Amino acid sequence: ECFRAELFGQRPLLLSQLNNLYKMRSDEELPYKAAGYEKLRDFLTDIPGLSLMGRGNRMQVRLGDAERLEAFVSGCITDTSAPTSPENAVQTPTFSMPQPLPE
């Protein structure tokens, strides 16, 4: 959800800026390490529908398959099979898009 507008609008989304953008919109860091990933790149590669293009500090996250990404996101949001005890509860961050700058 945090990067939906950029991804579906086919706007450039540099991997090197992703953490800062996420933190600006959600007031927390991307929790990829908590999910067991050492690198953000590896985390994003495992998300169906996303693809990485380029290399180094010019690597971009792109929407590769919108249907696969939508199905994945829907599955994450509606997954009720996980235990719901407080210690196992998943915190879903909320995002707020900054106001556009006046032209």
PDB file of N, CA and C in Angstrom:
ATOM      1  N   GLU A   1       0.815  -1.198   0.000  1.00  0.00           N
ATOM      2  CA  GLU A   1       0.000   0.000   0.000  1.00  0.00           C
ATOM      3  C   GLU A   1       0.851   1.250   0.000  1.00  0.00           C
ATOM      4  N   CYS A   2       1.935   1.244   0.695  1.00  0.00           N
ATOM      5  CA  CYS A   2       2.755   2.435   0.845  1.00  0.00           C
ATOM      6  C   CYS A   2       3.273   2.955  -0.493  1.00  0.00           C
ATOM      7  N   PHE A   3       3.575   2.050  -1.410  1.00  0.00           N
ATOM      8  CA  PHE A   3       4.157   2.427  -2.694  1.00  0.00           C
ATOM      9  C   PHE A   3       3.213   2.179  -3.867  1.00  0.00           C
ATOM     10  N   ARG A   4       1.957   2.015  -3.579  1.00  0.00           N
ATOM     11  CA  ARG A   4       0.966   1.682  -4.610  1.00  0.00           C
ATOM     12  C   ARG A   4       0.939   2.698  -5.757  1.00  0.00           C
ATOM     13  N   ALA A   5       0.881   3.974  -5.428  1.00  0.00           N
ATOM     14  CA  ALA A   5       0.794   5.013  -6.460  1.00  0.00           C
ATOM     15  C   ALA A   5       2.011   4.976  -7.376  1.00  0.00           C
ATOM     16  N   GLU A   6       3.184   4.817  -6.799  1.00  0.00           N
ATOM     17  CA  GLU A   6       4.399   4.766  -7.614  1.00  0.00           C
ATOM     18  C   GLU A   6       4.421   3.514  -8.488  1.00  0.00           C
ATOM     19  N   LEU A   7       4.104   2.364  -7.893  1.00  0.00           N
ATOM     20  CA  LEU A   7       4.164   1.112  -8.641  1.00  0.00           C
ATOM     21  C   LEU A   7       3.147   1.072  -9.776  1.00  0.00           C
ATOM     22  N   PHE A   8       1.899   1.379  -9.470  1.00  0.00           N
ATOM     23  CA  PHE A   8       0.862   1.293 -10.487  1.00  0.00           C
ATOM     24  C   PHE A   8       0.922   2.460 -11.479  1.00  0.00           C
ATOM     25  N   GLY A   9       1.580   3.535 -11.090  1.00  0.00           N
ATOM     26  CA  GLY A   9       1.770   4.662 -11.989  1.00  0.00           C
ATOM     27  C   GLY A   9       3.047   4.532 -12.811  1.00  0.00           C
ATOM     28  N   GLN A  10       3.755   3.413 -12.644  1.00  0.00           N
ATOM     29  CA  GLN A  10       5.002   3.141 -13.358  1.00  0.00           C
ATOM     30  C   GLN A  10       6.032   4.260 -13.153  1.00  0.00           C
ATOM     31  N   ARG A  11       6.037   4.853 -11.960  1.00  0.00           N
ATOM     32  CA  ARG A  11       7.020   5.888 -11.653  1.00  0.00           C
ATOM     33  C   ARG A  11       8.264   5.241 -11.062  1.00  0.00           C
ATOM     34  N   PRO A  12       9.414   5.847 -11.277  1.00  0.00           N
ATOM     35  CA  PRO A  12      10.663   5.275 -10.740  1.00  0.00           C
ATOM     36  C   PRO A  12      10.620   5.178  -9.217  1.00  0.00           C
ATOM     37  N   LEU A  13      11.044   4.057  -8.702  1.00  0.00           N
ATOM     38  CA  LEU A  13      11.093   3.819  -7.265  1.00  0.00           C
ATOM     39  C   LEU A  13      12.448   3.175  -6.983  1.00  0.00           C
ATOM     40  N   LEU A  14      13.418   4.003  -6.616  1.00  0.00           N
ATOM     41  CA  LEU A  14      14.775   3.500  -6.398  1.00  0.00           C
ATOM     42  C   LEU A  14      14.866   2.705  -5.099  1.00  0.00           C
ATOM     43  N   LEU A  15      15.518   1.565  -5.186  1.00  0.00           N
ATOM     44  CA  LEU A  15      15.702   0.708  -4.014  1.00  0.00           C
ATOM     45  C   LEU A  15      16.443   1.474  -2.920  1.00  0.00           C
ATOM     46  N   SER A  16      17.399   2.303  -3.306  1.00  0.00           N
ATOM     47  CA  SER A  16      18.187   3.052  -2.327  1.00  0.00           C
ATOM     48  C   SER A  16      17.346   4.078  -1.557  1.00  0.00           C
ATOM     49  N   GLN A  17      16.181   4.454  -2.059  1.00  0.00           N
ATOM     50  CA  GLN A  17      15.325   5.433  -1.400  1.00  0.00           C
ATOM     51  C   GLN A  17      14.120   4.811  -0.697  1.00  0.00           C
ATOM     52  N   LEU A  18      13.930   3.526  -0.883  1.00  0.00           N
ATOM     53  CA  LEU A  18      12.728   2.856  -0.392  1.00  0.00           C
ATOM     54  C   LEU A  18      12.548   2.958   1.120  1.00  0.00           C
ATOM     55  N   ASN A  19      13.599   2.680   1.881  1.00  0.00           N
ATOM     56  CA  ASN A  19      13.502   2.728   3.343  1.00  0.00           C
ATOM     57  C   ASN A  19      13.136   4.122   3.827  1.00  0.00           C
ATOM     58  N   ASN A  20      13.771   5.147   3.263  1.00  0.00           N
ATOM     59  CA  ASN A  20      13.479   6.524   3.680  1.00  0.00           C
ATOM     60  C   ASN A  20      12.044   6.905   3.353  1.00  0.00           C
ATOM     61  N   LEU A  21      11.585   6.539   2.173  1.00  0.00           N
ATOM     62  CA  LEU A  21      10.219   6.841   1.762  1.00  0.00           C
ATOM     63  C   LEU A  21       9.215   6.129   2.670  1.00  0.00           C
ATOM     64  N   TYR A  22       9.477   4.866   2.975  1.00  0.00           N
ATOM     65  CA  TYR A  22       8.603   4.094   3.862  1.00  0.00           C
ATOM     66  C   TYR A  22       8.548   4.749   5.252  1.00  0.00           C
ATOM     67  N   LYS A  23       9.729   5.120   5.762  1.00  0.00           N
ATOM     68  CA  LYS A  23       9.783   5.722   7.097  1.00  0.00           C
ATOM     69  C   LYS A  23       9.047   7.059   7.126  1.00  0.00           C
ATOM     70  N   MET A  24       9.167   7.825   6.056  1.00  0.00           N
ATOM     71  CA  MET A  24       8.486   9.112   5.979  1.00  0.00           C
ATOM     72  C   MET A  24       6.966   8.932   5.985  1.00  0.00           C
ATOM     73  N   ARG A  25       6.485   7.869   5.359  1.00  0.00           N
ATOM     74  CA  ARG A  25       5.043   7.654   5.238  1.00  0.00           C
ATOM     75  C   ARG A  25       4.430   6.876   6.385  1.00  0.00           C
ATOM     76  N   SER A  26       5.225   6.071   7.091  1.00  0.00           N
ATOM     77  CA  SER A  26       4.649   5.220   8.135  1.00  0.00           C
ATOM     78  C   SER A  26       5.227   5.465   9.531  1.00  0.00           C
ATOM     79  N   ASP A  27       6.251   6.277   9.621  1.00  0.00           N
ATOM     80  CA  ASP A  27       6.938   6.559  10.890  1.00  0.00           C
ATOM     81  C   ASP A  27       7.641   5.343  11.478  1.00  0.00           C
ATOM     82  N   GLU A  28       7.966   4.363  10.638  1.00  0.00           N
ATOM     83  CA  GLU A  28       8.760   3.220  11.077  1.00  0.00           C
ATOM     84  C   GLU A  28       9.564   2.701   9.893  1.00  0.00           C
ATOM     85  N   GLU A  29      10.547   1.846  10.179  1.00  0.00           N
ATOM     86  CA  GLU A  29      11.382   1.310   9.118  1.00  0.00           C
ATOM     87  C   GLU A  29      10.749   0.066   8.519  1.00  0.00           C
ATOM     88  N   LEU A  30      11.107  -0.212   7.277  1.00  0.00           N
ATOM     89  CA  LEU A  30      10.620  -1.430   6.628  1.00  0.00           C
ATOM     90  C   LEU A  30      11.077  -2.630   7.450  1.00  0.00           C
ATOM     91  N   PRO A  31      10.159  -3.496   7.867  1.00  0.00           N
ATOM     92  CA  PRO A  31      10.514  -4.597   8.775  1.00  0.00           C
ATOM     93  C   PRO A  31      11.020  -5.857   8.065  1.00  0.00           C
ATOM     94  N   TYR A  32      11.820  -5.698   7.013  1.00  0.00           N
ATOM     95  CA  TYR A  32      12.279  -6.871   6.266  1.00  0.00           C
ATOM     96  C   TYR A  32      13.209  -7.759   7.082  1.00  0.00           C
ATOM     97  N   LYS A  33      13.999  -7.175   7.989  1.00  0.00           N
ATOM     98  CA  LYS A  33      14.893  -7.987   8.820  1.00  0.00           C
ATOM     99  C   LYS A  33      14.100  -8.814   9.820  1.00  0.00           C
ATOM    100  N   ALA A  34      13.007  -8.258  10.331  1.00  0.00           N
ATOM    101  CA  ALA A  34      12.145  -9.002  11.252  1.00  0.00           C
ATOM    102  C   ALA A  34      11.489 -10.174  10.552  1.00  0.00           C
ATOM    103  N   ALA A  35      11.357 -10.074   9.227  1.00  0.00           N
ATOM    104  CA  ALA A  35      10.775 -11.163   8.440  1.00  0.00           C
ATOM    105  C   ALA A  35      11.828 -12.205   8.067  1.00  0.00           C
ATOM    106  N   GLY A  36      13.072 -12.015   8.526  1.00  0.00           N
ATOM    107  CA  GLY A  36      14.122 -13.005   8.297  1.00  0.00           C
ATOM    108  C   GLY A  36      15.019 -12.716   7.103  1.00  0.00           C
ATOM    109  N   TYR A  37      14.919 -11.539   6.529  1.00  0.00           N
ATOM    110  CA  TYR A  37      15.745 -11.182   5.374  1.00  0.00           C
ATOM    111  C   TYR A  37      16.901 -10.297   5.824  1.00  0.00           C
ATOM    112  N   GLU A  38      18.071 -10.566   5.278  1.00  0.00           N
ATOM    113  CA  GLU A  38      19.226  -9.737   5.586  1.00  0.00           C
ATOM    114  C   GLU A  38      19.251  -8.492   4.708  1.00  0.00           C
ATOM    115  N   LYS A  39      18.778  -8.643   3.476  1.00  0.00           N
ATOM    116  CA  LYS A  39      18.815  -7.527   2.524  1.00  0.00           C
ATOM    117  C   LYS A  39      17.422  -7.201   2.019  1.00  0.00           C
ATOM    118  N   LEU A  40      17.169  -5.917   1.854  1.00  0.00           N
ATOM    119  CA  LEU A  40      15.895  -5.451   1.334  1.00  0.00           C
ATOM    120  C   LEU A  40      15.637  -6.021  -0.056  1.00  0.00           C
ATOM    121  N   ARG A  41      16.676  -6.097  -0.859  1.00  0.00           N
ATOM    122  CA  ARG A  41      16.564  -6.642  -2.217  1.00  0.00           C
ATOM    123  C   ARG A  41      15.988  -8.062  -2.200  1.00  0.00           C
ATOM    124  N   ASP A  42      16.455  -8.900  -1.282  1.00  0.00           N
ATOM    125  CA  ASP A  42      15.964 -10.281  -1.190  1.00  0.00           C
ATOM    126  C   ASP A  42      14.496 -10.323  -0.764  1.00  0.00           C
ATOM    127  N   PHE A  43      14.131  -9.446   0.160  1.00  0.00           N
ATOM    128  CA  PHE A  43      12.745  -9.350   0.612  1.00  0.00           C
ATOM    129  C   PHE A  43      11.824  -9.002  -0.558  1.00  0.00           C
ATOM    130  N   LEU A  44      12.189  -7.989  -1.320  1.00  0.00           N
ATOM    131  CA  LEU A  44      11.357  -7.537  -2.442  1.00  0.00           C
ATOM    132  C   LEU A  44      11.278  -8.576  -3.548  1.00  0.00           C
ATOM    133  N   THR A  45      12.356  -9.305  -3.761  1.00  0.00           N
ATOM    134  CA  THR A  45      12.372 -10.345  -4.785  1.00  0.00           C
ATOM    135  C   THR A  45      11.354 -11.437  -4.486  1.00  0.00           C
ATOM    136  N   ASP A  46      11.074 -11.673  -3.214  1.00  0.00           N
ATOM    137  CA  ASP A  46      10.114 -12.714  -2.824  1.00  0.00           C
ATOM    138  C   ASP A  46       8.658 -12.259  -2.865  1.00  0.00           C
ATOM    139  N   ILE A  47       8.402 -11.012  -3.177  1.00  0.00           N
ATOM    140  CA  ILE A  47       7.028 -10.526  -3.264  1.00  0.00           C
ATOM    141  C   ILE A  47       6.526 -10.727  -4.691  1.00  0.00           C
ATOM    142  N   PRO A  48       5.523 -11.597  -4.879  1.00  0.00           N
ATOM    143  CA  PRO A  48       5.008 -11.861  -6.225  1.00  0.00           C
ATOM    144  C   PRO A  48       4.490 -10.584  -6.884  1.00  0.00           C
ATOM    145  N   GLY A  49       4.867 -10.416  -8.145  1.00  0.00           N
ATOM    146  CA  GLY A  49       4.399  -9.260  -8.903  1.00  0.00           C
ATOM    147  C   GLY A  49       5.385  -8.113  -8.960  1.00  0.00           C
ATOM    148  N   LEU A  50       6.388  -8.111  -8.084  1.00  0.00           N
ATOM    149  CA  LEU A  50       7.408  -7.069  -8.119  1.00  0.00           C
ATOM    150  C   LEU A  50       8.627  -7.575  -8.871  1.00  0.00           C
ATOM    151  N   SER A  51       9.343  -6.657  -9.500  1.00  0.00           N
ATOM    152  CA  SER A  51      10.603  -7.012 -10.144  1.00  0.00           C
ATOM    153  C   SER A  51      11.617  -5.910  -9.881  1.00  0.00           C
ATOM    154  N   LEU A  52      12.882  -6.285  -9.903  1.00  0.00           N
ATOM    155  CA  LEU A  52      13.963  -5.334  -9.700  1.00  0.00           C
ATOM    156  C   LEU A  52      14.700  -5.153 -11.014  1.00  0.00           C
ATOM    157  N   MET A  53      14.992  -3.905 -11.350  1.00  0.00           N
ATOM    158  CA  MET A  53      15.672  -3.573 -12.602  1.00  0.00           C
ATOM    159  C   MET A  53      16.918  -2.745 -12.265  1.00  0.00           C
ATOM    160  N   GLY A  54      17.979  -2.944 -13.035  1.00  0.00           N
ATOM    161  CA  GLY A  54      19.198  -2.175 -12.848  1.00  0.00           C
ATOM    162  C   GLY A  54      20.093  -2.797 -11.806  1.00  0.00           C
ATOM    163  N   ARG A  55      21.102  -2.014 -11.402  1.00  0.00           N
ATOM    164  CA  ARG A  55      22.016  -2.508 -10.367  1.00  0.00           C
ATOM    165  C   ARG A  55      22.622  -1.356  -9.588  1.00  0.00           C
ATOM    166  N   GLY A  56      23.227  -1.715  -8.475  1.00  0.00           N
ATOM    167  CA  GLY A  56      23.855  -0.712  -7.625  1.00  0.00           C
ATOM    168  C   GLY A  56      22.851   0.296  -7.088  1.00  0.00           C
ATOM    169  N   ASN A  57      23.283   1.550  -6.969  1.00  0.00           N
ATOM    170  CA  ASN A  57      22.396   2.559  -6.402  1.00  0.00           C
ATOM    171  C   ASN A  57      21.346   3.049  -7.397  1.00  0.00           C
ATOM    172  N   ARG A  58      21.324   2.495  -8.603  1.00  0.00           N
ATOM    173  CA  ARG A  58      20.303   2.833  -9.595  1.00  0.00           C
ATOM    174  C   ARG A  58      19.254   1.721  -9.730  1.00  0.00           C
ATOM    175  N   MET A  59      19.300   0.710  -8.851  1.00  0.00           N
ATOM    176  CA  MET A  59      18.330  -0.381  -8.914  1.00  0.00           C
ATOM    177  C   MET A  59      16.942   0.143  -8.588  1.00  0.00           C
ATOM    178  N   GLN A  60      15.963  -0.252  -9.400  1.00  0.00           N
ATOM    179  CA  GLN A  60      14.584   0.199  -9.219  1.00  0.00           C
ATOM    180  C   GLN A  60      13.661  -0.968  -8.937  1.00  0.00           C
ATOM    181  N   VAL A  61      12.633  -0.687  -8.147  1.00  0.00           N
ATOM    182  CA  VAL A  61      11.551  -1.642  -7.915  1.00  0.00           C
ATOM    183  C   VAL A  61      10.471  -1.288  -8.923  1.00  0.00           C
ATOM    184  N   ARG A  62       9.990  -2.296  -9.643  1.00  0.00           N
ATOM    185  CA  ARG A  62       8.963  -2.075 -10.655  1.00  0.00           C
ATOM    186  C   ARG A  62       7.825  -3.068 -10.472  1.00  0.00           C
ATOM    187  N   LEU A  63       6.671  -2.688 -10.978  1.00  0.00           N
ATOM    188  CA  LEU A  63       5.525  -3.584 -10.998  1.00  0.00           C
ATOM    189  C   LEU A  63       5.693  -4.497 -12.204  1.00  0.00           C
ATOM    190  N   GLY A  64       5.856  -5.787 -11.944  1.00  0.00           N
ATOM    191  CA  GLY A  64       6.026  -6.746 -13.023  1.00  0.00           C
ATOM    192  C   GLY A  64       4.707  -7.373 -13.432  1.00  0.00           C
ATOM    193  N   ASP A  65       3.870  -7.703 -12.458  1.00  0.00           N
ATOM    194  CA  ASP A  65       2.597  -8.364 -12.713  1.00  0.00           C
ATOM    195  C   ASP A  65       1.583  -7.885 -11.674  1.00  0.00           C
ATOM    196  N   ALA A  66       0.729  -6.969 -12.096  1.00  0.00           N
ATOM    197  CA  ALA A  66      -0.239  -6.343 -11.181  1.00  0.00           C
ATOM    198  C   ALA A  66      -1.171  -7.368 -10.540  1.00  0.00           C
ATOM    199  N   GLU A  67      -1.636  -8.348 -11.308  1.00  0.00           N
ATOM    200  CA  GLU A  67      -2.569  -9.348 -10.763  1.00  0.00           C
ATOM    201  C   GLU A  67      -1.917 -10.180  -9.667  1.00  0.00           C
ATOM    202  N   ARG A  68      -0.673 -10.586  -9.877  1.00  0.00           N
ATOM    203  CA  ARG A  68       0.028 -11.381  -8.858  1.00  0.00           C
ATOM    204  C   ARG A  68       0.251 -10.567  -7.593  1.00  0.00           C
ATOM    205  N   LEU A  69       0.600  -9.293  -7.750  1.00  0.00           N
ATOM    206  CA  LEU A  69       0.811  -8.445  -6.582  1.00  0.00           C
ATOM    207  C   LEU A  69      -0.496  -8.232  -5.822  1.00  0.00           C
ATOM    208  N   GLU A  70      -1.575  -7.958  -6.536  1.00  0.00           N
ATOM    209  CA  GLU A  70      -2.886  -7.761  -5.895  1.00  0.00           C
ATOM    210  C   GLU A  70      -3.319  -9.011  -5.136  1.00  0.00           C
ATOM    211  N   ALA A  71      -3.116 -10.176  -5.742  1.00  0.00           N
ATOM    212  CA  ALA A  71      -3.481 -11.431  -5.076  1.00  0.00           C
ATOM    213  C   ALA A  71      -2.651 -11.635  -3.810  1.00  0.00           C
ATOM    214  N   PHE A  72      -1.383 -11.315  -3.890  1.00  0.00           N
ATOM    215  CA  PHE A  72      -0.503 -11.451  -2.729  1.00  0.00           C
ATOM    216  C   PHE A  72      -0.932 -10.507  -1.603  1.00  0.00           C
ATOM    217  N   VAL A  73      -1.176  -9.246  -1.946  1.00  0.00           N
ATOM    218  CA  VAL A  73      -1.590  -8.258  -0.944  1.00  0.00           C
ATOM    219  C   VAL A  73      -2.921  -8.651  -0.327  1.00  0.00           C
ATOM    220  N   SER A  74      -3.866  -9.086  -1.152  1.00  0.00           N
ATOM    221  CA  SER A  74      -5.170  -9.516  -0.629  1.00  0.00           C
ATOM    222  C   SER A  74      -5.016 -10.686   0.323  1.00  0.00           C
ATOM    223  N   GLY A  75      -4.147 -11.620  -0.006  1.00  0.00           N
ATOM    224  CA  GLY A  75      -3.900 -12.769   0.860  1.00  0.00           C
ATOM    225  C   GLY A  75      -3.297 -12.363   2.188  1.00  0.00           C
ATOM    226  N   CYS A  76      -2.432 -11.363   2.171  1.00  0.00           N
ATOM    227  CA  CYS A  76      -1.815 -10.875   3.419  1.00  0.00           C
ATOM    228  C   CYS A  76      -2.838 -10.192   4.305  1.00  0.00           C
ATOM    229  N   ILE A  77      -3.736  -9.436   3.694  1.00  0.00           N
ATOM    230  CA  ILE A  77      -4.724  -8.676   4.454  1.00  0.00           C
ATOM    231  C   ILE A  77      -5.813  -9.571   5.023  1.00  0.00           C
ATOM    232  N   THR A  78      -6.232 -10.587   4.263  1.00  0.00           N
ATOM    233  CA  THR A  78      -7.359 -11.400   4.694  1.00  0.00           C
ATOM    234  C   THR A  78      -6.958 -12.733   5.313  1.00  0.00           C
ATOM    235  N   ASP A  79      -5.664 -12.948   5.570  1.00  0.00           N
ATOM    236  CA  ASP A  79      -5.216 -14.216   6.143  1.00  0.00           C
ATOM    237  C   ASP A  79      -5.650 -14.298   7.599  1.00  0.00           C
ATOM    238  N   THR A  80      -6.637 -15.130   7.869  1.00  0.00           N
ATOM    239  CA  THR A  80      -7.121 -15.292   9.243  1.00  0.00           C
ATOM    240  C   THR A  80      -6.682 -16.621   9.847  1.00  0.00           C
ATOM    241  N   SER A  81      -5.787 -17.335   9.140  1.00  0.00           N
ATOM    242  CA  SER A  81      -5.363 -18.636   9.641  1.00  0.00           C
ATOM    243  C   SER A  81      -4.311 -18.509  10.736  1.00  0.00           C
ATOM    244  N   ALA A  82      -3.668 -17.358  10.858  1.00  0.00           N
ATOM    245  CA  ALA A  82      -2.629 -17.177  11.862  1.00  0.00           C
ATOM    246  C   ALA A  82      -3.257 -16.985  13.240  1.00  0.00           C
ATOM    247  N   PRO A  83      -2.568 -17.469  14.275  1.00  0.00           N
ATOM    248  CA  PRO A  83      -3.070 -17.258  15.635  1.00  0.00           C
ATOM    249  C   PRO A  83      -3.196 -15.767  15.924  1.00  0.00           C
ATOM    250  N   THR A  84      -4.186 -15.417  16.730  1.00  0.00           N
ATOM    251  CA  THR A  84      -4.428 -14.005  16.991  1.00  0.00           C
ATOM    252  C   THR A  84      -4.081 -13.598  18.412  1.00  0.00           C
ATOM    253  N   SER A  85      -3.240 -14.374  19.089  1.00  0.00           N
ATOM    254  CA  SER A  85      -2.840 -13.971  20.431  1.00  0.00           C
ATOM    255  C   SER A  85      -2.002 -12.694  20.328  1.00  0.00           C
ATOM    256  N   PRO A  86      -1.993 -11.872  21.362  1.00  0.00           N
ATOM    257  CA  PRO A  86      -1.284 -10.590  21.293  1.00  0.00           C
ATOM    258  C   PRO A  86       0.188 -10.728  20.910  1.00  0.00           C
ATOM    259  N   GLU A  87       0.873 -11.757  21.405  1.00  0.00           N
ATOM    260  CA  GLU A  87       2.292 -11.903  21.082  1.00  0.00           C
ATOM    261  C   GLU A  87       2.522 -12.337  19.633  1.00  0.00           C
ATOM    262  N   ASN A  88       1.517 -12.919  18.983  1.00  0.00           N
ATOM    263  CA  ASN A  88       1.644 -13.333  17.594  1.00  0.00           C
ATOM    264  C   ASN A  88       0.958 -12.377  16.619  1.00  0.00           C
ATOM    265  N   ALA A  89       0.334 -11.349  17.131  1.00  0.00           N
ATOM    266  CA  ALA A  89      -0.402 -10.425  16.268  1.00  0.00           C
ATOM    267  C   ALA A  89       0.557  -9.659  15.369  1.00  0.00           C
ATOM    268  N   VAL A  90       0.166  -9.466  14.132  1.00  0.00           N
ATOM    269  CA  VAL A  90       0.961  -8.709  13.186  1.00  0.00           C
ATOM    270  C   VAL A  90       0.488  -7.266  13.215  1.00  0.00           C
ATOM    271  N   GLN A  91       1.400  -6.361  13.373  1.00  0.00           N
ATOM    272  CA  GLN A  91       1.073  -4.946  13.365  1.00  0.00           C
ATOM    273  C   GLN A  91       1.040  -4.468  11.920  1.00  0.00           C
ATOM    274  N   THR A  92      -0.094  -4.020  11.466  1.00  0.00           N
ATOM    275  CA  THR A  92      -0.220  -3.495  10.117  1.00  0.00           C
ATOM    276  C   THR A  92      -0.005  -1.995  10.171  1.00  0.00           C
ATOM    277  N   PRO A  93       1.082  -1.529   9.529  1.00  0.00           N
ATOM    278  CA  PRO A  93       1.333  -0.095   9.586  1.00  0.00           C
ATOM    279  C   PRO A  93       0.303   0.689   8.789  1.00  0.00           C
ATOM    280  N   THR A  94       0.111   1.921   9.184  1.00  0.00           N
ATOM    281  CA  THR A  94      -0.758   2.803   8.415  1.00  0.00           C
ATOM    282  C   THR A  94       0.118   3.807   7.699  1.00  0.00           C
ATOM    283  N   PHE A  95      -0.318   4.231   6.526  1.00  0.00           N
ATOM    284  CA  PHE A  95       0.474   5.116   5.690  1.00  0.00           C
ATOM    285  C   PHE A  95      -0.265   6.406   5.440  1.00  0.00           C
ATOM    286  N   SER A  96       0.496   7.459   5.367  1.00  0.00           N
ATOM    287  CA  SER A  96      -0.101   8.738   4.996  1.00  0.00           C
ATOM    288  C   SER A  96       0.766   9.378   3.935  1.00  0.00           C
ATOM    289  N   MET A  97       0.167   9.664   2.822  1.00  0.00           N
ATOM    290  CA  MET A  97       0.887  10.294   1.735  1.00  0.00           C
ATOM    291  C   MET A  97       1.092  11.757   2.075  1.00  0.00           C
ATOM    292  N   PRO A  98       2.320  12.270   1.871  1.00  0.00           N
ATOM    293  CA  PRO A  98       2.524  13.695   2.124  1.00  0.00           C
ATOM    294  C   PRO A  98       1.738  14.539   1.124  1.00  0.00           C
ATOM    295  N   GLN A  99       1.390  15.725   1.524  1.00  0.00           N
ATOM    296  CA  GLN A  99       0.673  16.631   0.639  1.00  0.00           C
ATOM    297  C   GLN A  99       1.597  17.020  -0.525  1.00  0.00           C
ATOM    298  N   PRO A 100       1.053  17.101  -1.742  1.00  0.00           N
ATOM    299  CA  PRO A 100       1.895  17.516  -2.867  1.00  0.00           C
ATOM    300  C   PRO A 100       2.344  18.960  -2.704  1.00  0.00           C
ATOM    301  N   LEU A 101       3.534  19.216  -3.218  1.00  0.00           N
ATOM    302  CA  LEU A 101       4.051  20.580  -3.175  1.00  0.00           C
ATOM    303  C   LEU A 101       3.302  21.454  -4.164  1.00  0.00           C
ATOM    304  N   PRO A 102       3.039  22.697  -3.788  1.00  0.00           N
ATOM    305  CA  PRO A 102       2.354  23.582  -4.745  1.00  0.00           C
ATOM    306  C   PRO A 102       3.272  23.881  -5.924  1.00  0.00           C
ATOM    307  N   GLU A 103       2.677  24.076  -7.087  1.00  0.00           N
ATOM    308  CA  GLU A 103       3.484  24.345  -8.285  1.00  0.00           C
ATOM    309  C   GLU A 103       3.786  25.797  -8.456  1.00  0.00           C
TER     310      GLU A 103
END
